Amino acid sequence: MRKLKKFLLGAAALFLGVTGTAAASFPAYADGAMGAVYRAHIHGRGWTDMAKDNTYVNGPKDTYVTAVAASLENQPEGMTGTIAYQVNLSGSGWMDWQENLGEAGATDTDKPLEAVRMQLTGQLSENYDLYYSVLQNGAWTALVKNGETAGTEGQGLRVDGIRLAVTGKDAGLPPEGTHMGRYIDPSKPMVALTFDDGPSAHTARILDCLEANDARATFYMVGNRMGTYQSTVKRMVDMGCEPGSHTWDHTYITKLSQEGLFANLNRLDDTLQSIAGVRTVTMRPPGGFVSDNAKQNLAKKGVPAILWSIDTLDWKTKNAQNTINVVLSSVKDGDIILMHDLYGTSADAAVVLIPELKKRGYQLVTVSEMASLRGGMTPGQVYHSFRP
């Protein structure tokens, strides 16, 4: 156990469980049952947090696995054996078997894993089965067990994730697994709630509701307002919501030169970075006004423009029920919903809409999250929605 704890480094999650350099907590099993513990090295991201038994472990879209490490927790006292595992690394073939959190694969390569084999040894193999699968070619492979090959080797297909589960001998397949960290199912409907013109005294109430419902939103902030609400802005970022740019002072970008636009957006980003340590990656043109010249300037700045597919007109009506009705009567998969967090009535509507949209089967995601699963974004382009 001392060796195991020493090995567990890296807990500051970047995205979907991928870590940085702080110390990770070790997963515990409330019922004391034996289970696998494991992690994956994600190319360009590093090692994930250590996952507990029957957890899907993968990085962001377009990343892949270059190494894995595994062991057991709550192994029955006196029962011999461990998990042994072997990986097929692209260009290198099948590598040596590892066990006890030894690294199988490589952390200093651009080559992905193509397949894995895993098995229990000693007395463990007589009393338990080890099931596992990999994420490959956009889908999780069927579970295999006890030394069989998971994944397809020699065809240029990479391993993007891994899942392990221990069951009693001949007990059959394990139950459906859980996902590490925040997981967005690309096959299920999603929408992006967006809030303009803040932050304000009402933003915290929207954040409370998002947090209570494990939801995220994008806040297109006016830069000169952020200094007054620094704790709100920091909380927004810490929660995983997306900070977006609505310019420093709500200036129409159609009236700005290239130099003026760059200076305006940089001033907001510099302030945001000083408060929360991040910069924006998308912007919303005030008033929704975009010209060809403005798009060219945004392209040079490396920023896409995000408009909307549902305009609630909450700033005009200041009627919470009307805002709710507008959204619920027309919402569909891939919508970007425009609201504002300057008004109490908009916050009133948000705290109703957030749980109701989830109840109706929508995943509430940020603009960048939805874009990453729906083809991405190009600087200088204008987006109203991200349809499947």
Protein backbone atom coordinates (compact mmCIF):
# COMPACT_ATOMS: atom_id res chain seq x y z
CA MET A 1 0.00 0.00 0.00
CA ARG A 2 2.91 2.37 0.76
CA LYS A 3 4.24 1.82 -2.75
CA LEU A 4 0.77 2.34 -4.20
CA LYS A 5 0.20 5.66 -2.44
CA LYS A 6 3.62 6.91 -3.49
CA PHE A 7 2.68 6.20 -7.09
CA LEU A 8 -0.51 8.26 -7.01
CA LEU A 9 0.50 11.72 -8.15
CA GLY A 10 -1.63 14.20 -10.06
CA ALA A 11 -5.14 15.29 -9.08
CA ALA A 12 -5.87 18.70 -10.60
CA ALA A 13 -8.37 17.58 -13.23
CA LEU A 14 -8.01 19.32 -16.58
CA PHE A 15 -10.93 17.67 -18.33
CA LEU A 16 -12.81 14.40 -17.89
CA GLY A 17 -10.39 13.27 -15.16
CA VAL A 18 -7.06 14.17 -16.80
CA THR A 19 -4.64 15.47 -14.19
CA GLY A 20 -1.82 17.85 -13.57
CA THR A 21 0.69 17.54 -10.73
CA ALA A 22 -1.08 17.80 -7.37
CA ALA A 23 -1.57 14.71 -5.14
CA ALA A 24 -4.55 12.48 -5.92
CA SER A 25 -6.80 10.82 -3.36
CA PHE A 26 -7.03 7.06 -3.50
CA PRO A 27 -10.44 5.58 -4.44
CA ALA A 28 -12.18 3.68 -1.66
CA TYR A 29 -14.79 0.94 -1.75
CA ALA A 30 -17.55 1.44 0.78
CA ASP A 31 -18.47 -2.24 0.83
CA GLY A 32 -14.89 -3.46 1.12
CA ALA A 33 -15.16 -5.60 -2.02
CA MET A 34 -12.05 -6.24 -4.06
CA GLY A 35 -11.76 -4.19 -7.22
CA ALA A 36 -9.34 -2.91 -9.80
CA VAL A 37 -7.64 0.48 -9.54
CA TYR A 38 -6.07 1.89 -12.68
CA ARG A 39 -5.20 4.93 -14.73
CA ALA A 40 -4.28 5.84 -18.30
CA HIS A 41 -1.65 8.14 -19.74
CA ILE A 42 -3.39 10.50 -22.18
CA HIS A 43 -1.25 11.89 -24.99
CA GLY A 44 -0.70 15.61 -24.50
CA ARG A 45 -2.47 15.60 -21.11
CA GLY A 46 -0.66 13.26 -18.73
CA TRP A 47 -1.90 10.60 -16.35
CA THR A 48 -5.56 10.50 -15.38
CA ASP A 49 -6.59 10.27 -11.76
CA MET A 50 -6.59 6.75 -10.39
CA ALA A 51 -9.97 5.22 -11.17
CA LYS A 52 -11.89 2.66 -9.16
CA ASP A 53 -13.31 -0.59 -10.47
CA ASN A 54 -15.70 -0.50 -13.43
CA THR A 55 -15.03 3.11 -14.43
CA TYR A 56 -14.70 4.38 -18.01
CA VAL A 57 -11.38 6.24 -18.22
CA ASN A 58 -10.60 8.42 -21.23
CA GLY A 59 -9.40 11.89 -22.11
CA PRO A 60 -10.98 14.69 -24.17
CA LYS A 61 -12.04 14.13 -27.75
CA ASP A 62 -9.13 13.58 -30.17
CA THR A 63 -6.76 12.37 -27.43
CA TYR A 64 -5.58 8.80 -26.98
CA VAL A 65 -3.90 6.43 -24.55
CA THR A 66 -0.14 5.73 -24.66
CA ALA A 67 0.23 3.76 -21.40
CA VAL A 68 -1.78 2.14 -18.61
CA ALA A 69 -1.10 1.08 -15.03
CA ALA A 70 -3.27 -1.13 -12.80
CA SER A 71 -3.47 -2.87 -9.43
CA LEU A 72 -6.06 -4.08 -6.90
CA GLU A 73 -7.63 -2.75 -3.74
CA ASN A 74 -9.10 -4.83 -0.90
CA GLN A 75 -7.43 -8.04 -2.05
CA PRO A 76 -8.46 -10.85 0.31
CA GLU A 77 -5.79 -11.47 2.91
CA GLY A 78 -3.69 -14.50 2.15
CA MET A 79 -4.96 -14.89 -1.44
CA THR A 80 -2.06 -14.87 -3.89
CA GLY A 81 -1.93 -13.12 -7.23
CA THR A 82 -2.35 -9.70 -8.82
CA ILE A 83 -3.38 -8.07 -12.12
CA ALA A 84 -0.96 -8.63 -14.97
CA TYR A 85 -1.34 -6.62 -18.16
CA GLN A 86 0.26 -6.26 -21.56
CA VAL A 87 -0.22 -3.59 -24.25
CA ASN A 88 0.31 -3.39 -27.97
CA LEU A 89 2.00 -0.06 -28.67
CA SER A 90 1.74 1.16 -32.25
CA GLY A 91 5.06 0.60 -34.02
CA SER A 92 6.45 -1.55 -31.20
CA GLY A 93 4.03 -4.46 -31.01
CA TRP A 94 3.23 -6.38 -27.85
CA MET A 95 5.35 -5.19 -24.92
CA ASP A 96 6.40 -6.95 -21.73
CA TRP A 97 3.80 -7.88 -19.13
CA GLN A 98 3.52 -5.53 -16.15
CA GLU A 99 1.84 -5.67 -12.76
CA ASN A 100 1.47 -3.69 -9.49
CA LEU A 101 1.09 -0.31 -11.22
CA GLY A 102 4.05 -0.82 -13.51
CA GLU A 103 3.69 1.34 -16.62
CA ALA A 104 2.72 -0.64 -19.71
CA GLY A 105 3.31 1.43 -22.83
CA ALA A 106 5.19 4.72 -22.96
CA THR A 107 4.68 8.26 -21.65
CA ASP A 108 7.22 9.92 -23.97
CA THR A 109 5.76 8.90 -27.32
CA ASP A 110 3.25 10.08 -29.91
CA LYS A 111 2.33 6.45 -30.62
CA PRO A 112 -1.02 5.19 -29.28
CA LEU A 113 -1.88 1.84 -27.79
CA GLU A 114 -3.74 -0.41 -30.23
CA ALA A 115 -4.83 -3.25 -27.93
CA VAL A 116 -4.49 -4.61 -24.37
CA ARG A 117 -4.53 -7.96 -22.59
CA MET A 118 -5.16 -8.34 -18.86
CA GLN A 119 -5.53 -11.20 -16.43
CA LEU A 120 -5.53 -12.12 -12.77
CA THR A 121 -2.78 -14.41 -11.51
CA GLY A 122 -2.34 -16.87 -8.67
CA GLN A 123 -5.30 -17.81 -6.50
CA LEU A 124 -7.12 -14.69 -7.64
CA SER A 125 -7.56 -16.23 -11.09
CA GLU A 126 -9.31 -19.22 -9.49
CA ASN A 127 -11.81 -17.07 -7.61
CA TYR A 128 -12.40 -14.00 -9.79
CA ASP A 129 -12.78 -12.94 -13.41
CA LEU A 130 -11.27 -9.74 -14.83
CA TYR A 131 -13.34 -8.02 -17.54
CA TYR A 132 -12.06 -5.13 -19.62
CA SER A 133 -12.76 -3.11 -22.77
CA VAL A 134 -11.22 -0.19 -24.67
CA LEU A 135 -12.57 2.88 -26.42
CA GLN A 136 -11.61 2.48 -30.07
CA ASN A 137 -12.91 3.92 -33.33
CA GLY A 138 -15.48 6.02 -31.46
CA ALA A 139 -17.08 3.21 -29.43
CA TRP A 140 -16.35 0.98 -26.45
CA THR A 141 -15.48 -2.55 -27.51
CA ALA A 142 -17.36 -5.55 -26.15
CA LEU A 143 -16.06 -6.72 -22.79
CA VAL A 144 -13.46 -9.50 -22.90
CA LYS A 145 -11.89 -11.30 -19.94
CA ASN A 146 -8.93 -13.16 -18.51
CA GLY A 147 -6.14 -12.56 -21.02
CA GLU A 148 -8.21 -12.09 -24.18
CA THR A 149 -7.37 -9.20 -26.51
CA ALA A 150 -9.38 -5.98 -26.27
CA GLY A 151 -8.93 -3.77 -29.31
CA THR A 152 -7.80 -4.34 -32.89
CA GLU A 153 -4.10 -4.42 -33.61
CA GLY A 154 -2.34 -3.80 -36.90
CA GLN A 155 -5.07 -1.72 -38.52
CA GLY A 156 -4.09 1.77 -37.41
CA LEU A 157 -6.82 2.01 -34.76
CA ARG A 158 -5.87 3.65 -31.47
CA VAL A 159 -7.03 3.07 -27.91
CA ASP A 160 -8.73 6.21 -26.57
CA GLY A 161 -9.86 4.85 -23.19
CA ILE A 162 -10.00 1.80 -20.93
CA ARG A 163 -12.35 0.13 -18.44
CA LEU A 164 -11.62 -2.71 -15.96
CA ALA A 165 -14.02 -4.64 -13.72
CA VAL A 166 -13.50 -7.56 -11.32
CA THR A 167 -16.34 -10.03 -10.74
CA GLY A 168 -16.73 -13.27 -8.85
CA LYS A 169 -15.72 -16.37 -10.78
CA ASP A 170 -18.32 -17.20 -13.44
CA ALA A 171 -20.65 -14.47 -12.11
CA GLY A 172 -21.13 -13.04 -15.59
CA LEU A 173 -20.73 -9.54 -16.97
CA PRO A 174 -20.33 -6.62 -14.55
CA PRO A 175 -23.05 -3.94 -14.33
CA GLU A 176 -22.88 -0.79 -16.45
CA GLY A 177 -19.82 1.23 -15.49
CA THR A 178 -19.52 4.80 -14.32
CA HIS A 179 -17.60 7.66 -15.94
CA MET A 180 -14.64 9.44 -14.43
CA GLY A 181 -15.15 13.15 -13.85
CA ARG A 182 -17.53 15.12 -16.03
CA TYR A 183 -18.81 13.04 -18.90
CA ILE A 184 -20.80 14.24 -21.90
CA ASP A 185 -22.47 11.54 -23.96
CA PRO A 186 -22.07 12.59 -27.63
CA SER A 187 -25.03 10.41 -28.60
CA LYS A 188 -27.48 12.26 -26.34
CA PRO A 189 -29.11 15.70 -26.82
CA MET A 190 -27.31 18.76 -25.49
CA VAL A 191 -27.86 22.50 -25.35
CA ALA A 192 -25.71 25.47 -24.35
CA LEU A 193 -27.22 28.05 -22.03
CA THR A 194 -25.44 31.39 -22.48
CA PHE A 195 -25.70 34.53 -20.36
CA ASP A 196 -24.69 37.98 -21.63
CA ASP A 197 -23.73 41.33 -20.09
CA GLY A 198 -22.71 40.15 -16.61
CA PRO A 199 -21.38 39.37 -14.18
CA SER A 200 -23.87 40.83 -11.72
CA ALA A 201 -25.41 40.27 -8.32
CA HIS A 202 -27.71 37.68 -9.94
CA THR A 203 -24.96 35.51 -11.45
CA ALA A 204 -24.26 33.66 -8.20
CA ARG A 205 -27.84 32.37 -8.03
CA ILE A 206 -27.52 30.95 -11.55
CA LEU A 207 -24.24 29.31 -10.56
CA ASP A 208 -25.92 27.80 -7.48
CA CYS A 209 -28.54 26.15 -9.70
CA LEU A 210 -26.00 24.95 -12.25
CA GLU A 211 -23.89 23.42 -9.51
CA ALA A 212 -26.86 21.71 -7.86
CA ASN A 213 -27.79 20.11 -11.18
CA ASP A 214 -24.28 19.17 -12.36
CA ALA A 215 -24.76 21.51 -15.31
CA ARG A 216 -22.54 24.05 -17.06
CA ALA A 217 -23.16 27.26 -18.99
CA THR A 218 -21.23 29.92 -20.86
CA PHE A 219 -21.10 33.49 -19.55
CA TYR A 220 -20.31 36.19 -22.13
CA MET A 221 -19.03 38.84 -19.76
CA VAL A 222 -18.41 42.55 -20.17
CA GLY A 223 -14.84 43.07 -19.07
CA ASN A 224 -15.28 46.26 -17.09
CA ARG A 225 -17.80 44.51 -14.81
CA MET A 226 -15.52 41.64 -13.76
CA GLY A 227 -13.53 43.57 -11.18
CA THR A 228 -16.64 44.17 -9.08
CA TYR A 229 -17.52 40.46 -9.03
CA GLN A 230 -14.14 38.77 -8.83
CA SER A 231 -15.23 35.97 -6.49
CA THR A 232 -18.16 35.18 -8.80
CA VAL A 233 -15.90 35.04 -11.85
CA LYS A 234 -13.42 32.77 -10.09
CA ARG A 235 -16.19 30.48 -8.90
CA MET A 236 -17.60 30.33 -12.44
CA VAL A 237 -14.27 29.11 -13.79
CA ASP A 238 -13.62 26.73 -10.89
CA MET A 239 -17.02 25.11 -11.51
CA GLY A 240 -16.16 24.36 -15.12
CA CYS A 241 -18.42 26.98 -16.66
CA GLU A 242 -16.99 28.77 -19.67
CA PRO A 243 -16.05 32.45 -19.51
CA GLY A 244 -16.62 34.15 -22.84
CA SER A 245 -15.86 37.64 -24.12
CA HIS A 246 -18.58 40.23 -24.73
CA THR A 247 -15.87 42.89 -25.21
CA TRP A 248 -14.44 45.12 -22.51
CA ASP A 249 -17.19 47.74 -22.65
CA HIS A 250 -19.99 46.29 -24.82
CA THR A 251 -18.63 47.98 -27.95
CA TYR A 252 -20.01 46.87 -31.32
CA ILE A 253 -17.11 45.11 -33.01
CA THR A 254 -18.28 46.39 -36.41
CA LYS A 255 -17.08 49.83 -35.27
CA LEU A 256 -13.60 48.69 -34.22
CA SER A 257 -10.44 48.60 -36.31
CA GLN A 258 -8.26 45.51 -36.09
CA GLU A 259 -6.00 47.24 -33.57
CA GLY A 260 -9.00 48.46 -31.60
CA LEU A 261 -10.60 45.00 -31.52
CA PHE A 262 -7.39 43.30 -30.41
CA ALA A 263 -6.84 45.87 -27.64
CA ASN A 264 -10.43 45.59 -26.46
CA LEU A 265 -10.49 41.79 -26.29
CA ASN A 266 -7.00 41.58 -24.79
CA ARG A 267 -7.97 43.98 -22.02
CA LEU A 268 -10.84 41.68 -21.03
CA ASP A 269 -8.64 38.58 -21.22
CA ASP A 270 -5.84 40.16 -19.20
CA THR A 271 -8.33 41.02 -16.47
CA LEU A 272 -9.88 37.55 -16.55
CA GLN A 273 -6.47 35.93 -16.33
CA SER A 274 -5.55 38.05 -13.30
CA ILE A 275 -8.77 36.96 -11.56
CA ALA A 276 -9.16 33.32 -12.57
CA GLY A 277 -5.98 32.32 -14.42
CA VAL A 278 -7.65 31.67 -17.79
CA ARG A 279 -8.43 33.47 -21.05
CA THR A 280 -11.49 33.27 -23.27
CA VAL A 281 -11.62 31.11 -26.41
CA THR A 282 -14.93 32.36 -27.84
CA MET A 283 -16.63 35.75 -28.05
CA ARG A 284 -20.14 37.06 -28.58
CA PRO A 285 -20.46 40.28 -30.59
CA PRO A 286 -22.57 42.83 -28.68
CA GLY A 287 -25.95 43.24 -30.32
CA GLY A 288 -25.16 40.24 -32.52
CA PHE A 289 -23.61 42.62 -35.06
CA VAL A 290 -20.90 41.07 -37.25
CA SER A 291 -19.53 42.36 -40.55
CA ASP A 292 -17.22 40.68 -43.05
CA ASN A 293 -14.42 42.96 -41.90
CA ALA A 294 -15.08 42.09 -38.26
CA LYS A 295 -15.00 38.38 -39.10
CA GLN A 296 -11.65 38.83 -40.81
CA ASN A 297 -10.31 40.59 -37.71
CA LEU A 298 -11.64 37.84 -35.46
CA ALA A 299 -9.96 35.25 -37.68
CA LYS A 300 -6.63 37.04 -37.25
CA LYS A 301 -7.24 37.13 -33.50
CA GLY A 302 -7.99 33.39 -33.53
CA VAL A 303 -11.51 33.70 -32.10
CA PRO A 304 -14.88 32.41 -33.38
CA ALA A 305 -18.08 34.46 -32.95
CA ILE A 306 -20.94 32.74 -31.11
CA LEU A 307 -24.49 33.94 -31.74
CA TRP A 308 -27.63 31.94 -30.87
CA SER A 309 -30.52 29.85 -32.16
CA ILE A 310 -33.00 30.79 -29.40
CA ASP A 311 -33.34 34.44 -28.38
CA THR A 312 -35.41 34.64 -25.19
CA LEU A 313 -35.65 38.48 -25.33
CA ASP A 314 -35.43 38.34 -21.53
CA TRP A 315 -33.77 41.76 -21.48
CA LYS A 316 -36.86 43.22 -23.14
CA THR A 317 -39.75 41.40 -21.48
CA LYS A 318 -38.20 40.99 -18.01
CA ASN A 319 -40.81 38.29 -17.56
CA ALA A 320 -39.51 34.99 -16.18
CA GLN A 321 -42.45 32.88 -17.35
CA ASN A 322 -42.20 34.25 -20.87
CA THR A 323 -38.51 33.34 -20.96
CA ILE A 324 -39.29 29.82 -19.74
CA ASN A 325 -42.05 29.41 -22.33
CA VAL A 326 -39.85 30.61 -25.21
CA VAL A 327 -37.16 28.05 -24.40
CA LEU A 328 -39.34 25.05 -23.62
CA SER A 329 -41.60 25.54 -26.63
CA SER A 330 -38.80 25.44 -29.18
CA VAL A 331 -35.64 23.87 -27.69
CA LYS A 332 -33.91 21.10 -29.64
CA ASP A 333 -30.60 19.31 -29.75
CA GLY A 334 -27.66 21.63 -30.48
CA ASP A 335 -29.35 24.92 -29.57
CA ILE A 336 -27.45 27.90 -28.19
CA ILE A 337 -29.85 29.77 -25.90
CA LEU A 338 -29.40 33.50 -25.32
CA MET A 339 -30.20 34.91 -21.87
CA HIS A 340 -28.74 37.65 -19.67
CA ASP A 341 -27.54 37.55 -16.08
CA LEU A 342 -28.13 41.23 -15.40
CA TYR A 343 -31.75 40.77 -14.35
CA GLY A 344 -33.41 39.03 -11.43
CA THR A 345 -36.19 37.81 -13.71
CA SER A 346 -33.65 36.07 -15.93
CA ALA A 347 -32.18 34.31 -12.90
CA ASP A 348 -35.74 33.34 -11.89
CA ALA A 349 -36.19 31.75 -15.30
CA ALA A 350 -32.80 30.04 -15.22
CA VAL A 351 -33.45 28.22 -11.93
CA VAL A 352 -36.59 26.73 -13.50
CA LEU A 353 -35.10 25.97 -16.90
CA ILE A 354 -31.92 24.25 -15.73
CA PRO A 355 -33.56 21.32 -13.89
CA GLU A 356 -36.43 21.15 -16.40
CA LEU A 357 -34.11 20.86 -19.39
CA LYS A 358 -32.19 18.10 -17.62
CA LYS A 359 -35.48 16.36 -16.84
CA ARG A 360 -36.29 16.44 -20.55
CA GLY A 361 -33.05 14.65 -21.35
CA TYR A 362 -30.78 17.54 -22.34
CA GLN A 363 -27.18 17.73 -21.23
CA LEU A 364 -26.37 21.32 -20.27
CA VAL A 365 -22.92 22.02 -21.66
CA THR A 366 -20.68 24.94 -22.48
CA VAL A 367 -20.36 26.27 -26.00
CA SER A 368 -16.85 24.87 -26.33
CA GLU A 369 -17.88 21.47 -24.99
CA MET A 370 -20.69 21.20 -27.51
CA ALA A 371 -18.53 22.46 -30.36
CA SER A 372 -15.80 19.91 -29.57
CA LEU A 373 -18.34 17.10 -30.00
CA ARG A 374 -20.00 18.58 -33.08
CA GLY A 375 -17.15 19.33 -35.48
CA GLY A 376 -15.23 22.09 -33.71
CA MET A 377 -14.96 25.82 -34.41
CA THR A 378 -12.93 27.92 -36.85
CA PRO A 379 -11.65 31.41 -35.93
CA GLY A 380 -13.58 34.16 -37.68
CA GLN A 381 -16.60 31.99 -38.35
CA VAL A 382 -20.05 32.68 -36.87
CA TYR A 383 -22.00 29.93 -35.12
CA HIS A 384 -25.69 29.91 -34.19
CA SER A 385 -25.97 26.26 -33.09
CA PHE A 386 -24.15 22.93 -33.17
CA ARG A 387 -26.51 20.34 -34.59
CA PRO A 388 -25.74 16.60 -34.47
